[in-house]
Structures are given as C-alpha cells and as structure tokens.
Amino acid sequence: DQSWVSYVGSMMQSAVQQSLRATDVTTESFTGTISYFDMRVIPDPLVHGDLDVSSCFDNAGSSNTNLSTGAVLPDTSPAGSHYVRITDELREDSAGQWQVISSLPAVSYPRAEECRPS
C-alpha cells in the first residue's frame, strides 16, 4: 500500500520506505491500547510557513506480538521508552496539501515531561 506517499515530502519518502521495511514493522503486530495525547501545532521556529506537529505516544498498555504466530514478545525496553514525544515538520505544497518533510528525533519521558505516565 503506497497511499502514504501523498502525505510525505519527496525528501522524506526514502526514509519512510526504509522504516517500513524494518523487521519490527514486517514481522510484528501488537495487542492492547496505544494512545496519542497532548497534540500541539506550532509555527516551526526555523522555517517560516512550516508547522511542527507533536504529540505524546503511550504504548505501555500494549504488547508487541509475532505477526505470524500471535505470540506476545518479551518487552526489554526501559519503562520511560513507552512514553515518547514525537514531532513532525509539515509544509504546505503548491496544491495546498500539508506534507511531512522531516521528523525530529523522538524524546522519551522523563526528558519529555509532558508525556508523563498517568
């Protein structure tokens, strides 16, 4: 499925394609709940006209599973890594459609204090 392509700037497409080929994407699924909260949109501080869209991501209520067997995979990640601030930079194209042109590195709790576990 290539429907995501129209939402991503051309310079980001190869990075997204590469991440979609990663083993955890191609061989795993999940069960449970993943929440997004504290969504914010602010003008990008460096590029006039661009917007930074961020939100907290909480996957503490979910478990990764093996895609073919459904078995729950052991979670060896640090507790704070389940609460993450993700931010994408968006730019309006000539047709008026907003496209993701870059993604900032994810920031985990406790550095992302606003993503504190509830």
PDB file of N, CA and C in Angstrom:
ATOM      1  N   ASP A   1       0.845  -1.179   0.000  1.00  0.00           N
ATOM      2  CA  ASP A   1       0.000   0.000   0.000  1.00  0.00           C
ATOM      3  C   ASP A   1       0.885   1.235   0.000  1.00  0.00           C
ATOM      4  N   GLN A   2       0.728   2.054  -0.980  1.00  0.00           N
ATOM      5  CA  GLN A   2       1.549   3.257  -1.118  1.00  0.00           C
ATOM      6  C   GLN A   2       0.752   4.538  -0.860  1.00  0.00           C
ATOM      7  N   SER A   3      -0.419   4.453  -0.229  1.00  0.00           N
ATOM      8  CA  SER A   3      -1.262   5.630  -0.045  1.00  0.00           C
ATOM      9  C   SER A   3      -0.598   6.704   0.812  1.00  0.00           C
ATOM     10  N   TRP A   4       0.348   6.351   1.632  1.00  0.00           N
ATOM     11  CA  TRP A   4       1.044   7.302   2.491  1.00  0.00           C
ATOM     12  C   TRP A   4       1.901   8.282   1.700  1.00  0.00           C
ATOM     13  N   VAL A   5       2.279   7.938   0.471  1.00  0.00           N
ATOM     14  CA  VAL A   5       3.223   8.740  -0.311  1.00  0.00           C
ATOM     15  C   VAL A   5       2.740  10.176  -0.497  1.00  0.00           C
ATOM     16  N   SER A   6       1.450  10.385  -0.683  1.00  0.00           N
ATOM     17  CA  SER A   6       0.953  11.738  -0.927  1.00  0.00           C
ATOM     18  C   SER A   6       1.025  12.629   0.316  1.00  0.00           C
ATOM     19  N   TYR A   7       1.280  12.049   1.472  1.00  0.00           N
ATOM     20  CA  TYR A   7       1.357  12.819   2.705  1.00  0.00           C
ATOM     21  C   TYR A   7       2.790  13.116   3.139  1.00  0.00           C
ATOM     22  N   VAL A   8       3.749  12.632   2.370  1.00  0.00           N
ATOM     23  CA  VAL A   8       5.151  12.754   2.748  1.00  0.00           C
ATOM     24  C   VAL A   8       5.907  13.459   1.624  1.00  0.00           C
ATOM     25  N   GLY A   9       6.698  14.477   1.987  1.00  0.00           N
ATOM     26  CA  GLY A   9       7.511  15.178   1.009  1.00  0.00           C
ATOM     27  C   GLY A   9       8.497  14.239   0.345  1.00  0.00           C
ATOM     28  N   SER A  10       8.899  14.574  -0.862  1.00  0.00           N
ATOM     29  CA  SER A  10       9.768  13.684  -1.647  1.00  0.00           C
ATOM     30  C   SER A  10      11.082  13.373  -0.938  1.00  0.00           C
ATOM     31  N   MET A  11      11.614  14.330  -0.179  1.00  0.00           N
ATOM     32  CA  MET A  11      12.887  14.085   0.508  1.00  0.00           C
ATOM     33  C   MET A  11      12.723  13.111   1.676  1.00  0.00           C
ATOM     34  N   MET A  12      11.511  12.932   2.180  1.00  0.00           N
ATOM     35  CA  MET A  12      11.258  12.014   3.296  1.00  0.00           C
ATOM     36  C   MET A  12      10.861  10.616   2.832  1.00  0.00           C
ATOM     37  N   GLN A  13      10.489  10.466   1.570  1.00  0.00           N
ATOM     38  CA  GLN A  13       9.933   9.194   1.113  1.00  0.00           C
ATOM     39  C   GLN A  13      10.880   8.015   1.288  1.00  0.00           C
ATOM     40  N   SER A  14      12.157   8.189   0.989  1.00  0.00           N
ATOM     41  CA  SER A  14      13.068   7.043   1.133  1.00  0.00           C
ATOM     42  C   SER A  14      13.256   6.672   2.602  1.00  0.00           C
ATOM     43  N   ALA A  15      13.270   7.655   3.503  1.00  0.00           N
ATOM     44  CA  ALA A  15      13.399   7.355   4.934  1.00  0.00           C
ATOM     45  C   ALA A  15      12.177   6.582   5.424  1.00  0.00           C
ATOM     46  N   VAL A  16      10.982   6.978   4.981  1.00  0.00           N
ATOM     47  CA  VAL A  16       9.768   6.277   5.393  1.00  0.00           C
ATOM     48  C   VAL A  16       9.764   4.861   4.809  1.00  0.00           C
ATOM     49  N   GLN A  17      10.127   4.728   3.537  1.00  0.00           N
ATOM     50  CA  GLN A  17      10.188   3.393   2.924  1.00  0.00           C
ATOM     51  C   GLN A  17      11.146   2.488   3.690  1.00  0.00           C
ATOM     52  N   GLN A  18      12.285   3.038   4.084  1.00  0.00           N
ATOM     53  CA  GLN A  18      13.273   2.249   4.824  1.00  0.00           C
ATOM     54  C   GLN A  18      12.700   1.816   6.171  1.00  0.00           C
ATOM     55  N   SER A  19      12.020   2.722   6.888  1.00  0.00           N
ATOM     56  CA  SER A  19      11.463   2.317   8.179  1.00  0.00           C
ATOM     57  C   SER A  19      10.326   1.318   8.027  1.00  0.00           C
ATOM     58  N   LEU A  20       9.587   1.368   6.921  1.00  0.00           N
ATOM     59  CA  LEU A  20       8.521   0.384   6.697  1.00  0.00           C
ATOM     60  C   LEU A  20       9.069  -1.001   6.374  1.00  0.00           C
ATOM     61  N   ARG A  21      10.339  -1.073   5.993  1.00  0.00           N
ATOM     62  CA  ARG A  21      10.987  -2.363   5.718  1.00  0.00           C
ATOM     63  C   ARG A  21      11.657  -2.964   6.950  1.00  0.00           C
ATOM     64  N   ALA A  22      11.679  -2.226   8.053  1.00  0.00           N
ATOM     65  CA  ALA A  22      12.339  -2.702   9.268  1.00  0.00           C
ATOM     66  C   ALA A  22      11.670  -3.973   9.786  1.00  0.00           C
ATOM     67  N   THR A  23      12.459  -4.824  10.396  1.00  0.00           N
ATOM     68  CA  THR A  23      11.979  -6.114  10.886  1.00  0.00           C
ATOM     69  C   THR A  23      10.799  -5.969  11.844  1.00  0.00           C
ATOM     70  N   ASP A  24      10.843  -4.981  12.748  1.00  0.00           N
ATOM     71  CA  ASP A  24       9.736  -4.860  13.704  1.00  0.00           C
ATOM     72  C   ASP A  24       8.436  -4.438  13.019  1.00  0.00           C
ATOM     73  N   VAL A  25       8.517  -3.856  11.839  1.00  0.00           N
ATOM     74  CA  VAL A  25       7.311  -3.494  11.087  1.00  0.00           C
ATOM     75  C   VAL A  25       6.811  -4.674  10.257  1.00  0.00           C
ATOM     76  N   THR A  26       7.718  -5.428   9.671  1.00  0.00           N
ATOM     77  CA  THR A  26       7.322  -6.502   8.759  1.00  0.00           C
ATOM     78  C   THR A  26       7.006  -7.824   9.458  1.00  0.00           C
ATOM     79  N   THR A  27       7.454  -7.990  10.715  1.00  0.00           N
ATOM     80  CA  THR A  27       7.246  -9.282  11.384  1.00  0.00           C
ATOM     81  C   THR A  27       6.454  -9.184  12.687  1.00  0.00           C
ATOM     82  N   GLU A  28       6.078  -7.948  13.097  1.00  0.00           N
ATOM     83  CA  GLU A  28       5.389  -7.794  14.372  1.00  0.00           C
ATOM     84  C   GLU A  28       4.073  -7.043  14.212  1.00  0.00           C
ATOM     85  N   SER A  29       3.199  -7.260  15.179  1.00  0.00           N
ATOM     86  CA  SER A  29       1.966  -6.504  15.328  1.00  0.00           C
ATOM     87  C   SER A  29       1.881  -6.145  16.800  1.00  0.00           C
ATOM     88  N   PHE A  30       0.703  -5.818  17.297  1.00  0.00           N
ATOM     89  CA  PHE A  30       0.562  -5.558  18.719  1.00  0.00           C
ATOM     90  C   PHE A  30      -0.863  -5.866  19.149  1.00  0.00           C
ATOM     91  N   THR A  31      -1.011  -6.025  20.438  1.00  0.00           N
ATOM     92  CA  THR A  31      -2.319  -6.176  21.064  1.00  0.00           C
ATOM     93  C   THR A  31      -2.395  -5.162  22.193  1.00  0.00           C
ATOM     94  N   GLY A  32      -3.577  -4.675  22.493  1.00  0.00           N
ATOM     95  CA  GLY A  32      -3.722  -3.706  23.564  1.00  0.00           C
ATOM     96  C   GLY A  32      -4.021  -2.319  23.032  1.00  0.00           C
ATOM     97  N   THR A  33      -3.660  -1.312  23.821  1.00  0.00           N
ATOM     98  CA  THR A  33      -4.005   0.067  23.502  1.00  0.00           C
ATOM     99  C   THR A  33      -2.760   0.927  23.347  1.00  0.00           C
ATOM    100  N   ILE A  34      -2.733   1.719  22.293  1.00  0.00           N
ATOM    101  CA  ILE A  34      -1.717   2.746  22.084  1.00  0.00           C
ATOM    102  C   ILE A  34      -2.448   4.076  22.073  1.00  0.00           C
ATOM    103  N   SER A  35      -1.978   5.020  22.879  1.00  0.00           N
ATOM    104  CA  SER A  35      -2.641   6.315  22.989  1.00  0.00           C
ATOM    105  C   SER A  35      -1.754   7.440  22.477  1.00  0.00           C
ATOM    106  N   TYR A  36      -2.383   8.406  21.839  1.00  0.00           N
ATOM    107  CA  TYR A  36      -1.737   9.657  21.458  1.00  0.00           C
ATOM    108  C   TYR A  36      -2.456  10.757  22.222  1.00  0.00           C
ATOM    109  N   PHE A  37      -1.717  11.676  22.818  1.00  0.00           N
ATOM    110  CA  PHE A  37      -2.328  12.759  23.577  1.00  0.00           C
ATOM    111  C   PHE A  37      -1.399  13.970  23.577  1.00  0.00           C
ATOM    112  N   ASP A  38      -1.891  15.069  24.109  1.00  0.00           N
ATOM    113  CA  ASP A  38      -1.142  16.323  24.194  1.00  0.00           C
ATOM    114  C   ASP A  38      -0.632  16.754  22.811  1.00  0.00           C
ATOM    115  N   MET A  39      -1.517  16.702  21.805  1.00  0.00           N
ATOM    116  CA  MET A  39      -1.131  17.109  20.457  1.00  0.00           C
ATOM    117  C   MET A  39      -1.017  18.624  20.399  1.00  0.00           C
ATOM    118  N   ARG A  40       0.033  19.088  19.742  1.00  0.00           N
ATOM    119  CA  ARG A  40       0.287  20.523  19.594  1.00  0.00           C
ATOM    120  C   ARG A  40       0.726  20.826  18.172  1.00  0.00           C
ATOM    121  N   VAL A  41       0.319  22.005  17.715  1.00  0.00           N
ATOM    122  CA  VAL A  41       0.778  22.504  16.422  1.00  0.00           C
ATOM    123  C   VAL A  41       1.320  23.905  16.673  1.00  0.00           C
ATOM    124  N   ILE A  42       2.591  24.114  16.318  1.00  0.00           N
ATOM    125  CA  ILE A  42       3.203  25.428  16.491  1.00  0.00           C
ATOM    126  C   ILE A  42       3.950  25.801  15.224  1.00  0.00           C
ATOM    127  N   PRO A  43       4.118  27.101  14.958  1.00  0.00           N
ATOM    128  CA  PRO A  43       4.947  27.501  13.818  1.00  0.00           C
ATOM    129  C   PRO A  43       6.372  26.990  14.028  1.00  0.00           C
ATOM    130  N   ASP A  44       6.969  26.457  12.983  1.00  0.00           N
ATOM    131  CA  ASP A  44       8.352  25.999  13.079  1.00  0.00           C
ATOM    132  C   ASP A  44       9.240  27.196  13.394  1.00  0.00           C
ATOM    133  N   PRO A  45      10.112  27.090  14.402  1.00  0.00           N
ATOM    134  CA  PRO A  45      10.921  28.240  14.786  1.00  0.00           C
ATOM    135  C   PRO A  45      12.021  28.602  13.779  1.00  0.00           C
ATOM    136  N   LEU A  46      12.332  27.695  12.853  1.00  0.00           N
ATOM    137  CA  LEU A  46      13.426  27.948  11.923  1.00  0.00           C
ATOM    138  C   LEU A  46      12.979  28.217  10.490  1.00  0.00           C
ATOM    139  N   VAL A  47      11.817  27.699  10.087  1.00  0.00           N
ATOM    140  CA  VAL A  47      11.383  27.822   8.694  1.00  0.00           C
ATOM    141  C   VAL A  47      10.014  28.488   8.654  1.00  0.00           C
ATOM    142  N   HIS A  48       9.982  29.729   8.169  1.00  0.00           N
ATOM    143  CA  HIS A  48       8.728  30.482   8.078  1.00  0.00           C
ATOM    144  C   HIS A  48       7.713  29.723   7.208  1.00  0.00           C
ATOM    145  N   GLY A  49       6.495  29.568   7.728  1.00  0.00           N
ATOM    146  CA  GLY A  49       5.421  28.898   6.989  1.00  0.00           C
ATOM    147  C   GLY A  49       5.271  27.427   7.306  1.00  0.00           C
ATOM    148  N   ASP A  50       6.319  26.794   7.834  1.00  0.00           N
ATOM    149  CA  ASP A  50       6.224  25.387   8.211  1.00  0.00           C
ATOM    150  C   ASP A  50       5.582  25.278   9.590  1.00  0.00           C
ATOM    151  N   LEU A  51       5.004  24.119   9.872  1.00  0.00           N
ATOM    152  CA  LEU A  51       4.398  23.849  11.174  1.00  0.00           C
ATOM    153  C   LEU A  51       5.049  22.624  11.797  1.00  0.00           C
ATOM    154  N   ASP A  52       5.203  22.653  13.101  1.00  0.00           N
ATOM    155  CA  ASP A  52       5.671  21.494  13.842  1.00  0.00           C
ATOM    156  C   ASP A  52       4.464  20.890  14.560  1.00  0.00           C
ATOM    157  N   VAL A  53       4.195  19.615  14.283  1.00  0.00           N
ATOM    158  CA  VAL A  53       3.074  18.903  14.882  1.00  0.00           C
ATOM    159  C   VAL A  53       3.668  17.833  15.801  1.00  0.00           C
ATOM    160  N   SER A  54       3.319  17.916  17.081  1.00  0.00           N
ATOM    161  CA  SER A  54       3.873  16.953  18.028  1.00  0.00           C
ATOM    162  C   SER A  54       2.763  16.352  18.879  1.00  0.00           C
ATOM    163  N   SER A  55       3.038  15.197  19.412  1.00  0.00           N
ATOM    164  CA  SER A  55       2.115  14.551  20.347  1.00  0.00           C
ATOM    165  C   SER A  55       2.891  13.567  21.201  1.00  0.00           C
ATOM    166  N   CYS A  56       2.271  13.217  22.320  1.00  0.00           N
ATOM    167  CA  CYS A  56       2.822  12.160  23.158  1.00  0.00           C
ATOM    168  C   CYS A  56       2.268  10.829  22.666  1.00  0.00           C
ATOM    169  N   PHE A  57       3.099   9.823  22.750  1.00  0.00           N
ATOM    170  CA  PHE A  57       2.777   8.459  22.322  1.00  0.00           C
ATOM    171  C   PHE A  57       2.970   7.574  23.540  1.00  0.00           C
ATOM    172  N   ASP A  58       1.942   6.805  23.896  1.00  0.00           N
ATOM    173  CA  ASP A  58       1.992   5.939  25.069  1.00  0.00           C
ATOM    174  C   ASP A  58       1.608   4.521  24.647  1.00  0.00           C
ATOM    175  N   ASN A  59       2.585   3.626  24.623  1.00  0.00           N
ATOM    176  CA  ASN A  59       2.285   2.233  24.271  1.00  0.00           C
ATOM    177  C   ASN A  59       2.479   1.282  25.453  1.00  0.00           C
ATOM    178  N   ALA A  60       2.428   1.843  26.687  1.00  0.00           N
ATOM    179  CA  ALA A  60       2.593   0.993  27.875  1.00  0.00           C
ATOM    180  C   ALA A  60       1.449  -0.002  28.022  1.00  0.00           C
ATOM    181  N   GLY A  61       0.283   0.295  27.422  1.00  0.00           N
ATOM    182  CA  GLY A  61      -0.868  -0.603  27.520  1.00  0.00           C
ATOM    183  C   GLY A  61      -0.954  -1.586  26.375  1.00  0.00           C
ATOM    184  N   SER A  62       0.149  -1.768  25.674  1.00  0.00           N
ATOM    185  CA  SER A  62       0.147  -2.709  24.546  1.00  0.00           C
ATOM    186  C   SER A  62       1.337  -3.650  24.652  1.00  0.00           C
ATOM    187  N   SER A  63       1.260  -4.724  23.911  1.00  0.00           N
ATOM    188  CA  SER A  63       2.359  -5.688  23.829  1.00  0.00           C
ATOM    189  C   SER A  63       2.621  -5.992  22.366  1.00  0.00           C
ATOM    190  N   ASN A  64       3.888  -6.030  21.999  1.00  0.00           N
ATOM    191  CA  ASN A  64       4.234  -6.444  20.642  1.00  0.00           C
ATOM    192  C   ASN A  64       4.019  -7.947  20.513  1.00  0.00           C
ATOM    193  N   THR A  65       3.569  -8.349  19.326  1.00  0.00           N
ATOM    194  CA  THR A  65       3.322  -9.760  19.066  1.00  0.00           C
ATOM    195  C   THR A  65       4.001 -10.190  17.779  1.00  0.00           C
ATOM    196  N   ASN A  66       4.282 -11.472  17.688  1.00  0.00           N
ATOM    197  CA  ASN A  66       4.806 -12.054  16.460  1.00  0.00           C
ATOM    198  C   ASN A  66       3.663 -12.073  15.444  1.00  0.00           C
ATOM    199  N   LEU A  67       3.882 -11.479  14.277  1.00  0.00           N
ATOM    200  CA  LEU A  67       2.828 -11.350  13.278  1.00  0.00           C
ATOM    201  C   LEU A  67       2.298 -12.698  12.809  1.00  0.00           C
ATOM    202  N   SER A  68       3.166 -13.689  12.665  1.00  0.00           N
ATOM    203  CA  SER A  68       2.693 -14.973  12.145  1.00  0.00           C
ATOM    204  C   SER A  68       2.104 -15.884  13.216  1.00  0.00           C
ATOM    205  N   THR A  69       2.593 -15.806  14.465  1.00  0.00           N
ATOM    206  CA  THR A  69       2.083 -16.718  15.493  1.00  0.00           C
ATOM    207  C   THR A  69       1.127 -16.048  16.475  1.00  0.00           C
ATOM    208  N   GLY A  70       1.213 -14.730  16.604  1.00  0.00           N
ATOM    209  CA  GLY A  70       0.395 -14.012  17.576  1.00  0.00           C
ATOM    210  C   GLY A  70       0.962 -14.030  18.979  1.00  0.00           C
ATOM    211  N   ALA A  71       2.081 -14.715  19.171  1.00  0.00           N
ATOM    212  CA  ALA A  71       2.690 -14.807  20.499  1.00  0.00           C
ATOM    213  C   ALA A  71       3.193 -13.437  20.953  1.00  0.00           C
ATOM    214  N   VAL A  72       2.979 -13.131  22.227  1.00  0.00           N
ATOM    215  CA  VAL A  72       3.477 -11.882  22.803  1.00  0.00           C
ATOM    216  C   VAL A  72       4.991 -11.964  22.923  1.00  0.00           C
ATOM    217  N   LEU A  73       5.662 -10.895  22.500  1.00  0.00           N
ATOM    218  CA  LEU A  73       7.120 -10.829  22.556  1.00  0.00           C
ATOM    219  C   LEU A  73       7.550 -10.199  23.876  1.00  0.00           C
ATOM    220  N   PRO A  74       8.676 -10.650  24.448  1.00  0.00           N
ATOM    221  CA  PRO A  74       9.137 -10.070  25.707  1.00  0.00           C
ATOM    222  C   PRO A  74       9.488  -8.587  25.516  1.00  0.00           C
ATOM    223  N   ASP A  75       9.141  -7.772  26.513  1.00  0.00           N
ATOM    224  CA  ASP A  75       9.447  -6.343  26.476  1.00  0.00           C
ATOM    225  C   ASP A  75      10.694  -6.095  27.309  1.00  0.00           C
ATOM    226  N   THR A  76      11.777  -5.730  26.656  1.00  0.00           N
ATOM    227  CA  THR A  76      13.037  -5.473  27.351  1.00  0.00           C
ATOM    228  C   THR A  76      13.402  -3.988  27.332  1.00  0.00           C
ATOM    229  N   SER A  77      12.473  -3.135  26.905  1.00  0.00           N
ATOM    230  CA  SER A  77      12.768  -1.708  26.798  1.00  0.00           C
ATOM    231  C   SER A  77      12.633  -1.015  28.158  1.00  0.00           C
ATOM    232  N   PRO A  78      13.390   0.080  28.346  1.00  0.00           N
ATOM    233  CA  PRO A  78      13.257   0.840  29.598  1.00  0.00           C
ATOM    234  C   PRO A  78      11.848   1.412  29.739  1.00  0.00           C
ATOM    235  N   ALA A  79      11.365   1.541  30.971  1.00  0.00           N
ATOM    236  CA  ALA A  79       9.993   1.999  31.224  1.00  0.00           C
ATOM    237  C   ALA A  79       9.691   3.334  30.557  1.00  0.00           C
ATOM    238  N   GLY A  80      10.620   4.285  30.598  1.00  0.00           N
ATOM    239  CA  GLY A  80      10.382   5.609  30.011  1.00  0.00           C
ATOM    240  C   GLY A  80      10.189   5.585  28.511  1.00  0.00           C
ATOM    241  N   SER A  81      10.668   4.546  27.858  1.00  0.00           N
ATOM    242  CA  SER A  81      10.563   4.485  26.392  1.00  0.00           C
ATOM    243  C   SER A  81       9.131   4.239  25.919  1.00  0.00           C
ATOM    244  N   HIS A  82       8.226   3.947  26.832  1.00  0.00           N
ATOM    245  CA  HIS A  82       6.824   3.754  26.470  1.00  0.00           C
ATOM    246  C   HIS A  82       6.068   5.075  26.376  1.00  0.00           C
ATOM    247  N   TYR A  83       6.704   6.163  26.812  1.00  0.00           N
ATOM    248  CA  TYR A  83       6.081   7.488  26.828  1.00  0.00           C
ATOM    249  C   TYR A  83       7.007   8.435  26.077  1.00  0.00           C
ATOM    250  N   VAL A  84       6.592   8.806  24.870  1.00  0.00           N
ATOM    251  CA  VAL A  84       7.501   9.475  23.943  1.00  0.00           C
ATOM    252  C   VAL A  84       6.824  10.674  23.295  1.00  0.00           C
ATOM    253  N   ARG A  85       7.579  11.760  23.125  1.00  0.00           N
ATOM    254  CA  ARG A  85       7.123  12.921  22.353  1.00  0.00           C
ATOM    255  C   ARG A  85       7.649  12.733  20.932  1.00  0.00           C
ATOM    256  N   ILE A  86       6.731  12.728  19.950  1.00  0.00           N
ATOM    257  CA  ILE A  86       7.123  12.644  18.546  1.00  0.00           C
ATOM    258  C   ILE A  86       6.727  13.951  17.865  1.00  0.00           C
ATOM    259  N   THR A  87       7.574  14.421  16.954  1.00  0.00           N
ATOM    260  CA  THR A  87       7.337  15.698  16.277  1.00  0.00           C
ATOM    261  C   THR A  87       7.691  15.570  14.805  1.00  0.00           C
ATOM    262  N   ASP A  88       6.766  16.025  13.963  1.00  0.00           N
ATOM    263  CA  ASP A  88       6.993  16.084  12.515  1.00  0.00           C
ATOM    264  C   ASP A  88       6.889  17.528  12.061  1.00  0.00           C
ATOM    265  N   GLU A  89       7.705  17.885  11.084  1.00  0.00           N
ATOM    266  CA  GLU A  89       7.633  19.209  10.457  1.00  0.00           C
ATOM    267  C   GLU A  89       6.813  19.077   9.180  1.00  0.00           C
ATOM    268  N   LEU A  90       5.814  19.942   9.041  1.00  0.00           N
ATOM    269  CA  LEU A  90       4.936  19.904   7.869  1.00  0.00           C
ATOM    270  C   LEU A  90       5.070  21.187   7.058  1.00  0.00           C
ATOM    271  N   ARG A  91       4.921  21.045   5.738  1.00  0.00           N
ATOM    272  CA  ARG A  91       4.974  22.175   4.810  1.00  0.00           C
ATOM    273  C   ARG A  91       3.821  22.035   3.831  1.00  0.00           C
ATOM    274  N   GLU A  92       3.207  23.151   3.520  1.00  0.00           N
ATOM    275  CA  GLU A  92       2.106  23.158   2.559  1.00  0.00           C
ATOM    276  C   GLU A  92       2.683  23.136   1.151  1.00  0.00           C
ATOM    277  N   ASP A  93       2.196  22.217   0.296  1.00  0.00           N
ATOM    278  CA  ASP A  93       2.683  22.149  -1.079  1.00  0.00           C
ATOM    279  C   ASP A  93       1.890  23.100  -1.970  1.00  0.00           C
ATOM    280  N   SER A  94       2.231  23.141  -3.242  1.00  0.00           N
ATOM    281  CA  SER A  94       1.597  24.085  -4.177  1.00  0.00           C
ATOM    282  C   SER A  94       0.104  23.825  -4.361  1.00  0.00           C
ATOM    283  N   ALA A  95      -0.360  22.618  -4.051  1.00  0.00           N
ATOM    284  CA  ALA A  95      -1.782  22.284  -4.159  1.00  0.00           C
ATOM    285  C   ALA A  95      -2.534  22.554  -2.851  1.00  0.00           C
ATOM    286  N   GLY A  96      -1.830  23.059  -1.831  1.00  0.00           N
ATOM    287  CA  GLY A  96      -2.467  23.352  -0.559  1.00  0.00           C
ATOM    288  C   GLY A  96      -2.548  22.170   0.387  1.00  0.00           C
ATOM    289  N   GLN A  97      -1.862  21.083   0.071  1.00  0.00           N
ATOM    290  CA  GLN A  97      -1.861  19.895   0.926  1.00  0.00           C
ATOM    291  C   GLN A  97      -0.635  19.934   1.836  1.00  0.00           C
ATOM    292  N   TRP A  98      -0.836  19.624   3.101  1.00  0.00           N
ATOM    293  CA  TRP A  98       0.268  19.580   4.049  1.00  0.00           C
ATOM    294  C   TRP A  98       0.990  18.249   3.939  1.00  0.00           C
ATOM    295  N   GLN A  99       2.321  18.307   3.875  1.00  0.00           N
ATOM    296  CA  GLN A  99       3.141  17.108   3.774  1.00  0.00           C
ATOM    297  C   GLN A  99       4.193  17.101   4.865  1.00  0.00           C
ATOM    298  N   VAL A 100       4.492  15.916   5.385  1.00  0.00           N
ATOM    299  CA  VAL A 100       5.575  15.760   6.345  1.00  0.00           C
ATOM    300  C   VAL A 100       6.881  15.881   5.573  1.00  0.00           C
ATOM    301  N   ILE A 101       7.726  16.823   6.002  1.00  0.00           N
ATOM    302  CA  ILE A 101       9.009  16.991   5.310  1.00  0.00           C
ATOM    303  C   ILE A 101      10.194  16.567   6.176  1.00  0.00           C
ATOM    304  N   SER A 102       9.970  16.436   7.485  1.00  0.00           N
ATOM    305  CA  SER A 102      11.025  15.908   8.351  1.00  0.00           C
ATOM    306  C   SER A 102      10.415  15.447   9.668  1.00  0.00           C
ATOM    307  N   SER A 103      11.136  14.571  10.331  1.00  0.00           N
ATOM    308  CA  SER A 103      10.746  14.088  11.656  1.00  0.00           C
ATOM    309  C   SER A 103      11.900  14.338  12.600  1.00  0.00           C
ATOM    310  N   LEU A 104      11.586  14.928  13.738  1.00  0.00           N
ATOM    311  CA  LEU A 104      12.615  15.152  14.743  1.00  0.00           C
ATOM    312  C   LEU A 104      12.828  13.869  15.528  1.00  0.00           C
ATOM    313  N   PRO A 105      13.999  13.714  16.140  1.00  0.00           N
ATOM    314  CA  PRO A 105      14.214  12.518  16.965  1.00  0.00           C
ATOM    315  C   PRO A 105      13.184  12.452  18.099  1.00  0.00           C
ATOM    316  N   ALA A 106      12.723  11.261  18.406  1.00  0.00           N
ATOM    317  CA  ALA A 106      11.765  11.067  19.497  1.00  0.00           C
ATOM    318  C   ALA A 106      12.439  11.388  20.826  1.00  0.00           C
ATOM    319  N   VAL A 107      11.657  11.937  21.753  1.00  0.00           N
ATOM    320  CA  VAL A 107      12.159  12.274  23.085  1.00  0.00           C
ATOM    321  C   VAL A 107      11.331  11.499  24.102  1.00  0.00           C
ATOM    322  N   SER A 108      11.986  10.673  24.907  1.00  0.00           N
ATOM    323  CA  SER A 108      11.295   9.833  25.899  1.00  0.00           C
ATOM    324  C   SER A 108      11.142  10.554  27.231  1.00  0.00           C
ATOM    325  N   TYR A 109      10.125  10.122  27.987  1.00  0.00           N
ATOM    326  CA  TYR A 109       9.975  10.560  29.361  1.00  0.00           C
ATOM    327  C   TYR A 109      11.166  10.005  30.140  1.00  0.00           C
ATOM    328  N   PRO A 110      11.809  10.705  31.039  1.00  0.00           N
ATOM    329  CA  PRO A 110      11.376  11.933  31.682  1.00  0.00           C
ATOM    330  C   PRO A 110      11.813  13.217  30.979  1.00  0.00           C
ATOM    331  N   ARG A 111      12.663  13.135  29.939  1.00  0.00           N
ATOM    332  CA  ARG A 111      13.024  14.378  29.226  1.00  0.00           C
ATOM    333  C   ARG A 111      11.791  15.035  28.645  1.00  0.00           C
ATOM    334  N   ALA A 112      10.863  14.253  28.121  1.00  0.00           N
ATOM    335  CA  ALA A 112       9.585  14.787  27.627  1.00  0.00           C
ATOM    336  C   ALA A 112       8.610  14.757  28.801  1.00  0.00           C
ATOM    337  N   GLU A 113       8.727  15.735  29.701  1.00  0.00           N
ATOM    338  CA  GLU A 113       7.933  15.740  30.929  1.00  0.00           C
ATOM    339  C   GLU A 113       6.432  15.721  30.656  1.00  0.00           C
ATOM    340  N   GLU A 114       6.006  16.374  29.558  1.00  0.00           N
ATOM    341  CA  GLU A 114       4.573  16.441  29.230  1.00  0.00           C
ATOM    342  C   GLU A 114       4.003  15.069  28.881  1.00  0.00           C
ATOM    343  N   CYS A 115       4.842  14.101  28.629  1.00  0.00           N
ATOM    344  CA  CYS A 115       4.395  12.756  28.279  1.00  0.00           C
ATOM    345  C   CYS A 115       4.421  11.823  29.501  1.00  0.00           C
ATOM    346  N   ARG A 116       4.416  12.403  30.662  1.00  0.00           N
ATOM    347  CA  ARG A 116       4.474  11.667  31.931  1.00  0.00           C
ATOM    348  C   ARG A 116       3.360  10.619  31.990  1.00  0.00           C
ATOM    349  N   PRO A 117       3.694   9.422  32.464  1.00  0.00           N
ATOM    350  CA  PRO A 117       2.659   8.383  32.636  1.00  0.00           C
ATOM    351  C   PRO A 117       1.569   8.876  33.578  1.00  0.00           C
ATOM    352  N   SER A 118       0.323   8.538  33.254  1.00  0.00           N
ATOM    353  CA  SER A 118      -0.773   8.975  34.127  1.00  0.00           C
ATOM    354  C   SER A 118      -1.040   8.013  35.253  1.00  0.00           C
TER     355      SER A 118
END
